[in-house]
């Protein structure tokens, strides 16, 4: 049995105790530590962007111990340039078949990185998994980052990317009638803000939004921040570092685009999937978001993956809950698009 078979079968032997990483999650964390990165809160943004990432750890595990798995998942990619709010943006198309003339639903995806670090390569696993399991085209967008481009540059780019997707879906194999939005961490914040902007600006609304451990609050002393103040690969000190570099002042974190759970109007947003990780400072605000979306009348499916940490979603070939989370999100996307439902 391959590791992917075990993953999709939710192998119970890979489980550990509550509050502790599952065995394969811990393997990723141990491998990341072996790569010798420095705490990014001690570095400049330029130095931080060169540090080893959880994706590097996953690649090392795949090279050394899981050699029989296809890391591409059979998904094809092509890099393109799209229009941002202040110039061109790098983007990557993921598709089961780039040459097909049959249009598939489209998901516009935004990567994480605290608005400061990471790129399309670091966050390859999430959009690749969504394309594979939901049978969709994914457009992964690299937006402007701080401190070179402070808040709200990334938000402006996200809205511009949504407008580009609406106008150009067919040119990349997407069905313009079936377009959703998704994002991880800071990208989850951008994703929900795209939905809000679409509502407020009278744009075509996303058919669905997938929000994976979204950064949607400004309370750095809530329950999960206290529990996971020193967690890996994301901790409180790192988030304070992101805040320092992203915003002109801490007061800007009260903006509804940042403090979504505390200040944003959530009424009239599309159906939503909210995924959180147990061992993550962002868990509480993600759970609060799901509750507030539901209170606002939004159709919500939410799940917290115990034994998993921030960044787990793209680790589907190594971490069991990552593949389970991708399959969960894919199921909800298919439900929203009205396409064939996968068993989960």
C-alpha atoms as a PDB file:
ATOM      1  CA  UNK A   1       0.000   0.000   0.000  1.00  0.00           C
ATOM      2  CA  UNK A   2       1.398   3.418  -0.968  1.00  0.00           C
ATOM      3  CA  UNK A   3       1.523   6.361   1.425  1.00  0.00           C
ATOM      4  CA  UNK A   4      -1.220   8.035  -0.633  1.00  0.00           C
ATOM      5  CA  UNK A   5      -3.443   4.983  -0.131  1.00  0.00           C
ATOM      6  CA  UNK A   6      -2.793   5.220   3.597  1.00  0.00           C
ATOM      7  CA  UNK A   7      -3.498   8.944   3.545  1.00  0.00           C
ATOM      8  CA  UNK A   8      -6.801   8.626   1.734  1.00  0.00           C
ATOM      9  CA  UNK A   9      -7.708   5.736   3.999  1.00  0.00           C
ATOM     10  CA  UNK A  10      -7.103   7.862   7.128  1.00  0.00           C
ATOM     11  CA  UNK A  11      -4.617   5.336   8.540  1.00  0.00           C
ATOM     12  CA  UNK A  12      -5.203   5.402  12.318  1.00  0.00           C
ATOM     13  CA  UNK A  13      -1.665   4.186  13.003  1.00  0.00           C
ATOM     14  CA  UNK A  14      -0.415   7.636  12.004  1.00  0.00           C
ATOM     15  CA  UNK A  15      -2.404   9.292  14.837  1.00  0.00           C
ATOM     16  CA  UNK A  16      -0.915  10.555  18.089  1.00  0.00           C
ATOM     17  CA  UNK A  17      -2.276  12.292  21.195  1.00  0.00           C
ATOM     18  CA  UNK A  18      -4.380  15.484  21.265  1.00  0.00           C
ATOM     19  CA  UNK A  19      -2.344  18.680  21.162  1.00  0.00           C
ATOM     20  CA  UNK A  20       0.634  16.895  19.610  1.00  0.00           C
ATOM     21  CA  UNK A  21       1.503  16.649  15.910  1.00  0.00           C
ATOM     22  CA  UNK A  22       0.578  13.407  14.180  1.00  0.00           C
ATOM     23  CA  UNK A  23       3.537  11.200  13.296  1.00  0.00           C
ATOM     24  CA  UNK A  24       3.954  12.358   9.702  1.00  0.00           C
ATOM     25  CA  UNK A  25       3.294  15.966  10.672  1.00  0.00           C
ATOM     26  CA  UNK A  26       6.089  15.645  13.225  1.00  0.00           C
ATOM     27  CA  UNK A  27       8.294  14.101  10.539  1.00  0.00           C
ATOM     28  CA  UNK A  28       7.848  17.249   8.455  1.00  0.00           C
ATOM     29  CA  UNK A  29       8.661  19.483  11.429  1.00  0.00           C
ATOM     30  CA  UNK A  30      11.761  17.435  12.286  1.00  0.00           C
ATOM     31  CA  UNK A  31      12.938  17.529   8.677  1.00  0.00           C
ATOM     32  CA  UNK A  32      12.370  21.283   8.522  1.00  0.00           C
ATOM     33  CA  UNK A  33      14.513  21.695  11.643  1.00  0.00           C
ATOM     34  CA  UNK A  34      17.254  19.602  10.016  1.00  0.00           C
ATOM     35  CA  UNK A  35      17.351  22.054   7.107  1.00  0.00           C
ATOM     36  CA  UNK A  36      18.764  24.637   9.494  1.00  0.00           C
ATOM     37  CA  UNK A  37      16.555  27.657   9.024  1.00  0.00           C
ATOM     38  CA  UNK A  38      16.764  30.641  11.345  1.00  0.00           C
ATOM     39  CA  UNK A  39      13.776  32.203  13.143  1.00  0.00           C
ATOM     40  CA  UNK A  40      12.408  34.641  10.590  1.00  0.00           C
ATOM     41  CA  UNK A  41      11.513  37.172  13.279  1.00  0.00           C
ATOM     42  CA  UNK A  42      15.288  37.699  13.691  1.00  0.00           C
ATOM     43  CA  UNK A  43      15.832  38.331   9.978  1.00  0.00           C
ATOM     44  CA  UNK A  44      15.182  40.954   7.344  1.00  0.00           C
ATOM     45  CA  UNK A  45      12.400  40.204   4.840  1.00  0.00           C
ATOM     46  CA  UNK A  46      15.000  39.478   2.168  1.00  0.00           C
ATOM     47  CA  UNK A  47      16.749  36.969   4.436  1.00  0.00           C
ATOM     48  CA  UNK A  48      13.454  35.435   5.544  1.00  0.00           C
ATOM     49  CA  UNK A  49      12.454  34.751   1.942  1.00  0.00           C
ATOM     50  CA  UNK A  50      15.581  32.623   1.512  1.00  0.00           C
ATOM     51  CA  UNK A  51      14.943  30.376   4.530  1.00  0.00           C
ATOM     52  CA  UNK A  52      13.982  26.697   4.201  1.00  0.00           C
ATOM     53  CA  UNK A  53      10.224  26.186   4.112  1.00  0.00           C
ATOM     54  CA  UNK A  54       7.855  23.367   5.074  1.00  0.00           C
ATOM     55  CA  UNK A  55       7.602  22.671   1.344  1.00  0.00           C
ATOM     56  CA  UNK A  56      11.353  22.049   1.251  1.00  0.00           C
ATOM     57  CA  UNK A  57      10.929  19.568   4.097  1.00  0.00           C
ATOM     58  CA  UNK A  58       8.141  17.745   2.261  1.00  0.00           C
ATOM     59  CA  UNK A  59      10.263  17.528  -0.892  1.00  0.00           C
ATOM     60  CA  UNK A  60      13.141  16.063   1.115  1.00  0.00           C
ATOM     61  CA  UNK A  61      10.863  13.412   2.626  1.00  0.00           C
ATOM     62  CA  UNK A  62       9.506  12.528  -0.802  1.00  0.00           C
ATOM     63  CA  UNK A  63      13.017  12.201  -2.243  1.00  0.00           C
ATOM     64  CA  UNK A  64      14.305  10.044   0.574  1.00  0.00           C
ATOM     65  CA  UNK A  65      11.415   7.885   1.741  1.00  0.00           C
ATOM     66  CA  UNK A  66       8.405   7.998  -0.588  1.00  0.00           C
ATOM     67  CA  UNK A  67      10.045   7.620  -3.971  1.00  0.00           C
ATOM     68  CA  UNK A  68       7.133   5.825  -5.662  1.00  0.00           C
ATOM     69  CA  UNK A  69       4.709   8.765  -5.484  1.00  0.00           C
ATOM     70  CA  UNK A  70       4.194  11.187  -8.393  1.00  0.00           C
ATOM     71  CA  UNK A  71       4.579  14.654  -6.823  1.00  0.00           C
ATOM     72  CA  UNK A  72       2.738  16.251  -9.753  1.00  0.00           C
ATOM     73  CA  UNK A  73      -0.468  14.247  -9.054  1.00  0.00           C
ATOM     74  CA  UNK A  74      -0.864  14.151 -12.826  1.00  0.00           C
ATOM     75  CA  UNK A  75      -1.577  17.885 -12.874  1.00  0.00           C
ATOM     76  CA  UNK A  76      -0.074  20.101 -15.579  1.00  0.00           C
ATOM     77  CA  UNK A  77       1.040  23.695 -14.988  1.00  0.00           C
ATOM     78  CA  UNK A  78       1.817  26.791 -16.999  1.00  0.00           C
ATOM     79  CA  UNK A  79       3.133  30.114 -15.698  1.00  0.00           C
ATOM     80  CA  UNK A  80       1.513  33.278 -17.026  1.00  0.00           C
ATOM     81  CA  UNK A  81       1.264  36.984 -16.274  1.00  0.00           C
ATOM     82  CA  UNK A  82      -2.012  38.654 -15.343  1.00  0.00           C
ATOM     83  CA  UNK A  83      -3.068  42.221 -14.626  1.00  0.00           C
ATOM     84  CA  UNK A  84      -2.698  43.412 -11.048  1.00  0.00           C
ATOM     85  CA  UNK A  85      -3.793  46.676  -9.488  1.00  0.00           C
ATOM     86  CA  UNK A  86      -0.484  48.405 -10.214  1.00  0.00           C
ATOM     87  CA  UNK A  87       1.193  46.252 -12.847  1.00  0.00           C
ATOM     88  CA  UNK A  88       1.626  42.649 -13.967  1.00  0.00           C
ATOM     89  CA  UNK A  89       1.464  39.754 -11.515  1.00  0.00           C
ATOM     90  CA  UNK A  90       2.960  36.289 -11.765  1.00  0.00           C
ATOM     91  CA  UNK A  91       0.410  33.491 -11.801  1.00  0.00           C
ATOM     92  CA  UNK A  92       0.330  29.744 -12.396  1.00  0.00           C
ATOM     93  CA  UNK A  93      -2.360  27.656 -14.044  1.00  0.00           C
ATOM     94  CA  UNK A  94      -2.990  24.141 -12.707  1.00  0.00           C
ATOM     95  CA  UNK A  95      -5.076  21.801 -14.828  1.00  0.00           C
ATOM     96  CA  UNK A  96      -5.678  18.080 -15.308  1.00  0.00           C
ATOM     97  CA  UNK A  97      -5.242  18.770 -19.039  1.00  0.00           C
ATOM     98  CA  UNK A  98      -3.950  22.115 -20.301  1.00  0.00           C
ATOM     99  CA  UNK A  99      -4.720  21.169 -23.906  1.00  0.00           C
ATOM    100  CA  UNK A 100      -8.349  20.212 -23.337  1.00  0.00           C
ATOM    101  CA  UNK A 101     -11.014  22.310 -25.044  1.00  0.00           C
ATOM    102  CA  UNK A 102     -13.585  21.318 -22.413  1.00  0.00           C
ATOM    103  CA  UNK A 103     -14.038  24.085 -19.865  1.00  0.00           C
ATOM    104  CA  UNK A 104     -13.723  23.187 -16.186  1.00  0.00           C
ATOM    105  CA  UNK A 105     -14.715  25.152 -13.088  1.00  0.00           C
ATOM    106  CA  UNK A 106     -12.048  27.654 -12.084  1.00  0.00           C
ATOM    107  CA  UNK A 107     -10.625  28.367  -8.628  1.00  0.00           C
ATOM    108  CA  UNK A 108      -8.655  31.583  -8.052  1.00  0.00           C
ATOM    109  CA  UNK A 109      -6.149  30.804  -5.299  1.00  0.00           C
ATOM    110  CA  UNK A 110      -3.967  33.055  -3.117  1.00  0.00           C
ATOM    111  CA  UNK A 111      -0.911  31.720  -1.273  1.00  0.00           C
ATOM    112  CA  UNK A 112       0.117  32.484   2.290  1.00  0.00           C
ATOM    113  CA  UNK A 113       3.242  33.991   3.796  1.00  0.00           C
ATOM    114  CA  UNK A 114       2.008  36.717   6.128  1.00  0.00           C
ATOM    115  CA  UNK A 115       1.857  39.173   3.199  1.00  0.00           C
ATOM    116  CA  UNK A 116       5.691  39.243   3.325  1.00  0.00           C
ATOM    117  CA  UNK A 117       7.259  35.902   2.339  1.00  0.00           C
ATOM    118  CA  UNK A 118       6.578  32.836   0.138  1.00  0.00           C
ATOM    119  CA  UNK A 119       5.531  32.513  -3.482  1.00  0.00           C
ATOM    120  CA  UNK A 120       3.907  30.224  -6.041  1.00  0.00           C
ATOM    121  CA  UNK A 121       6.523  27.498  -5.547  1.00  0.00           C
ATOM    122  CA  UNK A 122       6.291  27.424  -1.754  1.00  0.00           C
ATOM    123  CA  UNK A 123       2.512  27.061  -2.000  1.00  0.00           C
ATOM    124  CA  UNK A 124       2.370  24.565  -4.846  1.00  0.00           C
ATOM    125  CA  UNK A 125       0.806  21.635  -2.994  1.00  0.00           C
ATOM    126  CA  UNK A 126      -2.524  23.243  -2.142  1.00  0.00           C
ATOM    127  CA  UNK A 127      -3.589  24.392  -5.609  1.00  0.00           C
ATOM    128  CA  UNK A 128      -2.212  21.208  -7.138  1.00  0.00           C
ATOM    129  CA  UNK A 129      -4.289  19.085  -4.764  1.00  0.00           C
ATOM    130  CA  UNK A 130      -7.429  21.122  -5.408  1.00  0.00           C
ATOM    131  CA  UNK A 131      -6.981  20.759  -9.160  1.00  0.00           C
ATOM    132  CA  UNK A 132      -6.529  17.005  -8.806  1.00  0.00           C
ATOM    133  CA  UNK A 133      -9.297  16.189  -6.349  1.00  0.00           C
ATOM    134  CA  UNK A 134     -11.903  18.731  -7.473  1.00  0.00           C
ATOM    135  CA  UNK A 135     -11.148  18.297 -11.200  1.00  0.00           C
ATOM    136  CA  UNK A 136     -10.831  22.051 -11.687  1.00  0.00           C
ATOM    137  CA  UNK A 137      -8.499  24.603 -13.193  1.00  0.00           C
ATOM    138  CA  UNK A 138      -6.704  26.596 -10.499  1.00  0.00           C
ATOM    139  CA  UNK A 139      -5.193  30.035 -11.057  1.00  0.00           C
ATOM    140  CA  UNK A 140      -2.618  30.629  -8.309  1.00  0.00           C
ATOM    141  CA  UNK A 141      -1.748  34.325  -7.994  1.00  0.00           C
ATOM    142  CA  UNK A 142       1.414  35.922  -6.602  1.00  0.00           C
ATOM    143  CA  UNK A 143       0.487  39.371  -5.292  1.00  0.00           C
ATOM    144  CA  UNK A 144       2.672  42.294  -4.229  1.00  0.00           C
ATOM    145  CA  UNK A 145       4.271  41.801  -0.826  1.00  0.00           C
ATOM    146  CA  UNK A 146       5.316  43.963   2.104  1.00  0.00           C
ATOM    147  CA  UNK A 147       7.376  45.767   3.206  1.00  0.00           C
ATOM    148  CA  UNK A 148       8.080  46.912  -0.349  1.00  0.00           C
ATOM    149  CA  UNK A 149       4.317  47.187  -0.915  1.00  0.00           C
ATOM    150  CA  UNK A 150       2.479  47.663   2.356  1.00  0.00           C
ATOM    151  CA  UNK A 151      -1.212  47.111   3.132  1.00  0.00           C
ATOM    152  CA  UNK A 152      -3.517  47.236   1.200  1.00  0.00           C
ATOM    153  CA  UNK A 153      -1.426  46.469  -1.909  1.00  0.00           C
ATOM    154  CA  UNK A 154      -2.018  42.708  -1.692  1.00  0.00           C
ATOM    155  CA  UNK A 155      -5.757  43.238  -1.261  1.00  0.00           C
ATOM    156  CA  UNK A 156      -5.892  45.528  -4.279  1.00  0.00           C
ATOM    157  CA  UNK A 157      -4.036  42.913  -6.326  1.00  0.00           C
ATOM    158  CA  UNK A 158      -6.396  40.167  -5.171  1.00  0.00           C
ATOM    159  CA  UNK A 159      -9.439  42.106  -6.367  1.00  0.00           C
ATOM    160  CA  UNK A 160      -7.676  42.887  -9.646  1.00  0.00           C
ATOM    161  CA  UNK A 161      -6.847  39.196 -10.082  1.00  0.00           C
ATOM    162  CA  UNK A 162     -10.506  38.301  -9.551  1.00  0.00           C
ATOM    163  CA  UNK A 163     -11.545  40.796 -12.223  1.00  0.00           C
ATOM    164  CA  UNK A 164      -8.921  39.349 -14.570  1.00  0.00           C
ATOM    165  CA  UNK A 165     -10.237  35.845 -13.972  1.00  0.00           C
ATOM    166  CA  UNK A 166     -13.809  36.914 -14.680  1.00  0.00           C
ATOM    167  CA  UNK A 167     -12.741  38.431 -17.996  1.00  0.00           C
ATOM    168  CA  UNK A 168     -10.270  35.742 -19.047  1.00  0.00           C
ATOM    169  CA  UNK A 169     -11.500  32.453 -17.581  1.00  0.00           C
ATOM    170  CA  UNK A 170     -12.090  30.779 -20.937  1.00  0.00           C
ATOM    171  CA  UNK A 171      -8.595  31.624 -22.163  1.00  0.00           C
ATOM    172  CA  UNK A 172      -7.123  29.409 -19.418  1.00  0.00           C
ATOM    173  CA  UNK A 173      -9.670  26.610 -19.684  1.00  0.00           C
ATOM    174  CA  UNK A 174     -12.061  27.870 -17.014  1.00  0.00           C
ATOM    175  CA  UNK A 175     -15.834  28.037 -17.133  1.00  0.00           C
ATOM    176  CA  UNK A 176     -16.736  31.726 -16.566  1.00  0.00           C
ATOM    177  CA  UNK A 177     -20.033  30.655 -14.980  1.00  0.00           C
ATOM    178  CA  UNK A 178     -18.282  28.579 -12.310  1.00  0.00           C
ATOM    179  CA  UNK A 179     -15.487  30.469 -10.564  1.00  0.00           C
ATOM    180  CA  UNK A 180     -14.591  30.100  -6.891  1.00  0.00           C
ATOM    181  CA  UNK A 181     -11.927  31.619  -4.671  1.00  0.00           C
ATOM    182  CA  UNK A 182      -9.524  29.976  -2.217  1.00  0.00           C
ATOM    183  CA  UNK A 183      -6.519  30.812  -0.106  1.00  0.00           C
ATOM    184  CA  UNK A 184      -4.269  29.730   2.730  1.00  0.00           C
ATOM    185  CA  UNK A 185      -3.309  31.861   5.741  1.00  0.00           C
ATOM    186  CA  UNK A 186      -2.792  35.433   4.491  1.00  0.00           C
ATOM    187  CA  UNK A 187      -4.188  34.142   1.211  1.00  0.00           C
ATOM    188  CA  UNK A 188      -7.326  33.059   3.048  1.00  0.00           C
ATOM    189  CA  UNK A 189      -7.700  36.664   4.140  1.00  0.00           C
ATOM    190  CA  UNK A 190      -7.354  37.788   0.525  1.00  0.00           C
ATOM    191  CA  UNK A 191      -9.882  35.193  -0.607  1.00  0.00           C
ATOM    192  CA  UNK A 192     -12.654  36.330   1.728  1.00  0.00           C
ATOM    193  CA  UNK A 193     -11.874  39.942   0.890  1.00  0.00           C
ATOM    194  CA  UNK A 194     -12.362  39.120  -2.787  1.00  0.00           C
ATOM    195  CA  UNK A 195     -15.822  37.821  -1.905  1.00  0.00           C
ATOM    196  CA  UNK A 196     -16.567  40.988   0.067  1.00  0.00           C
ATOM    197  CA  UNK A 197     -15.263  43.217  -2.739  1.00  0.00           C
ATOM    198  CA  UNK A 198     -17.331  41.320  -5.306  1.00  0.00           C
ATOM    199  CA  UNK A 199     -20.453  41.889  -3.209  1.00  0.00           C
ATOM    200  CA  UNK A 200     -19.722  45.561  -2.578  1.00  0.00           C
ATOM    201  CA  UNK A 201     -18.597  46.387  -6.135  1.00  0.00           C
ATOM    202  CA  UNK A 202     -21.345  44.483  -7.915  1.00  0.00           C
ATOM    203  CA  UNK A 203     -18.973  41.949  -9.476  1.00  0.00           C
ATOM    204  CA  UNK A 204     -19.793  38.326 -10.196  1.00  0.00           C
ATOM    205  CA  UNK A 205     -19.623  36.604  -6.826  1.00  0.00           C
ATOM    206  CA  UNK A 206     -17.478  33.536  -6.226  1.00  0.00           C
ATOM    207  CA  UNK A 207     -19.461  30.320  -6.439  1.00  0.00           C
ATOM    208  CA  UNK A 208     -17.730  29.236  -3.231  1.00  0.00           C
ATOM    209  CA  UNK A 209     -14.841  30.237  -0.986  1.00  0.00           C
ATOM    210  CA  UNK A 210     -12.292  27.855   0.541  1.00  0.00           C
ATOM    211  CA  UNK A 211     -10.583  29.507   3.500  1.00  0.00           C
ATOM    212  CA  UNK A 212      -7.688  27.489   4.888  1.00  0.00           C
ATOM    213  CA  UNK A 213      -6.391  28.592   8.323  1.00  0.00           C
ATOM    214  CA  UNK A 214      -7.249  32.159   7.304  1.00  0.00           C
ATOM    215  CA  UNK A 215      -5.644  35.176   8.935  1.00  0.00           C
ATOM    216  CA  UNK A 216      -8.831  37.095   9.756  1.00  0.00           C
ATOM    217  CA  UNK A 217      -8.395  38.693  13.192  1.00  0.00           C
ATOM    218  CA  UNK A 218      -6.152  41.046  15.139  1.00  0.00           C
ATOM    219  CA  UNK A 219      -6.341  39.506  18.619  1.00  0.00           C
ATOM    220  CA  UNK A 220      -2.901  38.057  19.280  1.00  0.00           C
ATOM    221  CA  UNK A 221      -3.920  36.926  22.764  1.00  0.00           C
ATOM    222  CA  UNK A 222      -6.836  34.634  21.997  1.00  0.00           C
ATOM    223  CA  UNK A 223      -6.995  30.981  23.022  1.00  0.00           C
ATOM    224  CA  UNK A 224      -4.995  29.482  20.158  1.00  0.00           C
ATOM    225  CA  UNK A 225      -2.348  32.215  20.298  1.00  0.00           C
ATOM    226  CA  UNK A 226      -1.778  31.377  23.963  1.00  0.00           C
ATOM    227  CA  UNK A 227      -1.759  27.612  23.339  1.00  0.00           C
ATOM    228  CA  UNK A 228       0.518  27.856  20.302  1.00  0.00           C
ATOM    229  CA  UNK A 229       2.692  30.859  21.118  1.00  0.00           C
ATOM    230  CA  UNK A 230       5.807  28.815  20.355  1.00  0.00           C
ATOM    231  CA  UNK A 231       4.393  26.432  17.761  1.00  0.00           C
ATOM    232  CA  UNK A 232       6.117  25.411  14.561  1.00  0.00           C
ATOM    233  CA  UNK A 233       6.114  26.324  11.731  1.00  0.00           C
ATOM    234  CA  UNK A 234       4.095  29.439  12.750  1.00  0.00           C
ATOM    235  CA  UNK A 235       4.222  31.163  16.127  1.00  0.00           C
ATOM    236  CA  UNK A 236       3.243  34.436  17.752  1.00  0.00           C
ATOM    237  CA  UNK A 237       6.644  36.097  17.291  1.00  0.00           C
ATOM    238  CA  UNK A 238       6.497  35.434  13.561  1.00  0.00           C
ATOM    239  CA  UNK A 239       3.033  36.961  13.278  1.00  0.00           C
ATOM    240  CA  UNK A 240       4.186  40.052  15.172  1.00  0.00           C
ATOM    241  CA  UNK A 241       7.043  40.281  12.650  1.00  0.00           C
ATOM    242  CA  UNK A 242       4.587  40.019   9.753  1.00  0.00           C
ATOM    243  CA  UNK A 243       2.443  42.776  11.279  1.00  0.00           C
ATOM    244  CA  UNK A 244       5.467  45.043  11.695  1.00  0.00           C
ATOM    245  CA  UNK A 245       6.438  44.716   8.044  1.00  0.00           C
ATOM    246  CA  UNK A 246       2.963  44.712   6.487  1.00  0.00           C
ATOM    247  CA  UNK A 247       1.272  47.698   8.109  1.00  0.00           C
ATOM    248  CA  UNK A 248       2.247  51.347   8.418  1.00  0.00           C
ATOM    249  CA  UNK A 249       1.002  51.191  12.003  1.00  0.00           C
ATOM    250  CA  UNK A 250      -0.547  48.578  14.268  1.00  0.00           C
ATOM    251  CA  UNK A 251      -3.778  50.597  14.185  1.00  0.00           C
ATOM    252  CA  UNK A 252      -4.300  49.430  10.599  1.00  0.00           C
ATOM    253  CA  UNK A 253      -4.967  45.910  11.853  1.00  0.00           C
ATOM    254  CA  UNK A 254      -8.396  47.169  12.983  1.00  0.00           C
ATOM    255  CA  UNK A 255      -9.349  47.652   9.325  1.00  0.00           C
ATOM    256  CA  UNK A 256     -12.277  45.349   8.390  1.00  0.00           C
ATOM    257  CA  UNK A 257     -10.105  43.801   5.662  1.00  0.00           C
ATOM    258  CA  UNK A 258      -7.743  42.580   8.386  1.00  0.00           C
ATOM    259  CA  UNK A 259      -9.985  42.128  11.420  1.00  0.00           C
ATOM    260  CA  UNK A 260     -12.614  40.320   9.399  1.00  0.00           C
ATOM    261  CA  UNK A 261     -14.114  38.503  12.394  1.00  0.00           C
ATOM    262  CA  UNK A 262     -14.445  41.694  14.408  1.00  0.00           C
ATOM    263  CA  UNK A 263     -15.344  44.390  11.911  1.00  0.00           C
ATOM    264  CA  UNK A 264     -16.406  43.069   8.489  1.00  0.00           C
ATOM    265  CA  UNK A 265     -19.948  42.696   7.170  1.00  0.00           C
ATOM    266  CA  UNK A 266     -20.254  39.005   6.288  1.00  0.00           C
ATOM    267  CA  UNK A 267     -23.841  39.016   5.028  1.00  0.00           C
ATOM    268  CA  UNK A 268     -24.430  37.897   1.468  1.00  0.00           C
ATOM    269  CA  UNK A 269     -21.147  36.060   1.024  1.00  0.00           C
ATOM    270  CA  UNK A 270     -20.905  32.791  -0.923  1.00  0.00           C
ATOM    271  CA  UNK A 271     -21.038  29.321   0.574  1.00  0.00           C
ATOM    272  CA  UNK A 272     -17.851  28.653   2.486  1.00  0.00           C
ATOM    273  CA  UNK A 273     -15.450  25.935   3.526  1.00  0.00           C
ATOM    274  CA  UNK A 274     -13.299  26.870   6.523  1.00  0.00           C
ATOM    275  CA  UNK A 275     -10.366  24.609   7.391  1.00  0.00           C
ATOM    276  CA  UNK A 276      -8.292  25.084  10.527  1.00  0.00           C
ATOM    277  CA  UNK A 277      -5.397  23.244  12.176  1.00  0.00           C
ATOM    278  CA  UNK A 278      -5.294  22.357  15.859  1.00  0.00           C
ATOM    279  CA  UNK A 279      -1.664  23.397  16.435  1.00  0.00           C
ATOM    280  CA  UNK A 280      -1.870  26.869  14.931  1.00  0.00           C
ATOM    281  CA  UNK A 281      -2.130  30.383  16.408  1.00  0.00           C
ATOM    282  CA  UNK A 282      -4.755  31.147  13.736  1.00  0.00           C
ATOM    283  CA  UNK A 283      -7.107  28.330  14.790  1.00  0.00           C
ATOM    284  CA  UNK A 284      -9.379  30.397  17.040  1.00  0.00           C
ATOM    285  CA  UNK A 285     -10.002  33.203  14.557  1.00  0.00           C
ATOM    286  CA  UNK A 286     -10.693  30.668  11.810  1.00  0.00           C
ATOM    287  CA  UNK A 287     -13.249  28.932  14.010  1.00  0.00           C
ATOM    288  CA  UNK A 288     -14.763  32.297  14.942  1.00  0.00           C
ATOM    289  CA  UNK A 289     -15.027  33.160  11.256  1.00  0.00           C
ATOM    290  CA  UNK A 290     -16.985  29.992  10.538  1.00  0.00           C
ATOM    291  CA  UNK A 291     -19.364  30.806  13.395  1.00  0.00           C
ATOM    292  CA  UNK A 292     -19.850  34.403  12.265  1.00  0.00           C
ATOM    293  CA  UNK A 293     -20.386  33.427   8.638  1.00  0.00           C
ATOM    294  CA  UNK A 294     -23.071  30.999   9.744  1.00  0.00           C
ATOM    295  CA  UNK A 295     -24.660  33.663  11.961  1.00  0.00           C
ATOM    296  CA  UNK A 296     -24.735  35.959   8.919  1.00  0.00           C
ATOM    297  CA  UNK A 297     -26.744  33.377   6.992  1.00  0.00           C
ATOM    298  CA  UNK A 298     -23.909  31.904   4.946  1.00  0.00           C
ATOM    299  CA  UNK A 299     -23.834  28.164   4.181  1.00  0.00           C
ATOM    300  CA  UNK A 300     -20.671  26.990   5.968  1.00  0.00           C
ATOM    301  CA  UNK A 301     -18.798  23.711   6.233  1.00  0.00           C
ATOM    302  CA  UNK A 302     -15.993  23.890   8.799  1.00  0.00           C
ATOM    303  CA  UNK A 303     -13.478  21.395  10.089  1.00  0.00           C
ATOM    304  CA  UNK A 304     -10.505  21.542  12.441  1.00  0.00           C
ATOM    305  CA  UNK A 305      -7.805  18.934  11.798  1.00  0.00           C
ATOM    306  CA  UNK A 306      -6.360  17.726  15.083  1.00  0.00           C
ATOM    307  CA  UNK A 307      -2.691  16.806  15.125  1.00  0.00           C
ATOM    308  CA  UNK A 308      -1.957  19.180  12.252  1.00  0.00           C
ATOM    309  CA  UNK A 309      -0.111  22.489  12.191  1.00  0.00           C
ATOM    310  CA  UNK A 310      -0.217  25.631  10.131  1.00  0.00           C
ATOM    311  CA  UNK A 311       0.930  24.952   6.544  1.00  0.00           C
ATOM    312  CA  UNK A 312      -0.290  21.340   6.536  1.00  0.00           C
ATOM    313  CA  UNK A 313      -2.810  21.732   3.706  1.00  0.00           C
ATOM    314  CA  UNK A 314      -0.306  21.427   0.845  1.00  0.00           C
ATOM    315  CA  UNK A 315       1.410  18.316   2.253  1.00  0.00           C
ATOM    316  CA  UNK A 316      -1.001  15.771   0.819  1.00  0.00           C
ATOM    317  CA  UNK A 317       1.615  13.228  -0.269  1.00  0.00           C
ATOM    318  CA  UNK A 318       3.115  13.051   3.214  1.00  0.00           C
ATOM    319  CA  UNK A 319       0.628  14.137   5.894  1.00  0.00           C
ATOM    320  CA  UNK A 320      -2.635  12.157   6.092  1.00  0.00           C
ATOM    321  CA  UNK A 321      -4.786  15.061   7.208  1.00  0.00           C
ATOM    322  CA  UNK A 322      -3.516  17.210   4.347  1.00  0.00           C
ATOM    323  CA  UNK A 323      -4.963  14.849   1.756  1.00  0.00           C
ATOM    324  CA  UNK A 324      -8.113  14.561   3.860  1.00  0.00           C
ATOM    325  CA  UNK A 325      -8.403  18.359   3.987  1.00  0.00           C
ATOM    326  CA  UNK A 326      -7.858  18.677   0.245  1.00  0.00           C
ATOM    327  CA  UNK A 327     -10.511  16.032  -0.391  1.00  0.00           C
ATOM    328  CA  UNK A 328     -12.900  17.806   1.997  1.00  0.00           C
ATOM    329  CA  UNK A 329     -12.373  21.126   0.195  1.00  0.00           C
ATOM    330  CA  UNK A 330     -12.715  19.439  -3.199  1.00  0.00           C
ATOM    331  CA  UNK A 331     -16.000  17.850  -2.141  1.00  0.00           C
ATOM    332  CA  UNK A 332     -17.399  21.243  -1.138  1.00  0.00           C
ATOM    333  CA  UNK A 333     -16.188  22.864  -4.360  1.00  0.00           C
ATOM    334  CA  UNK A 334     -17.881  20.158  -6.393  1.00  0.00           C
ATOM    335  CA  UNK A 335     -21.043  20.614  -4.381  1.00  0.00           C
ATOM    336  CA  UNK A 336     -20.991  24.354  -5.079  1.00  0.00           C
ATOM    337  CA  UNK A 337     -20.236  23.890  -8.770  1.00  0.00           C
ATOM    338  CA  UNK A 338     -22.896  21.204  -9.155  1.00  0.00           C
ATOM    339  CA  UNK A 339     -20.401  18.691 -10.512  1.00  0.00           C
ATOM    340  CA  UNK A 340     -19.957  15.040  -9.542  1.00  0.00           C
ATOM    341  CA  UNK A 341     -19.546  14.616  -5.801  1.00  0.00           C
ATOM    342  CA  UNK A 342     -16.558  12.628  -4.600  1.00  0.00           C
ATOM    343  CA  UNK A 343     -17.101  10.185  -1.729  1.00  0.00           C
ATOM    344  CA  UNK A 344     -15.274  11.191   1.460  1.00  0.00           C
END
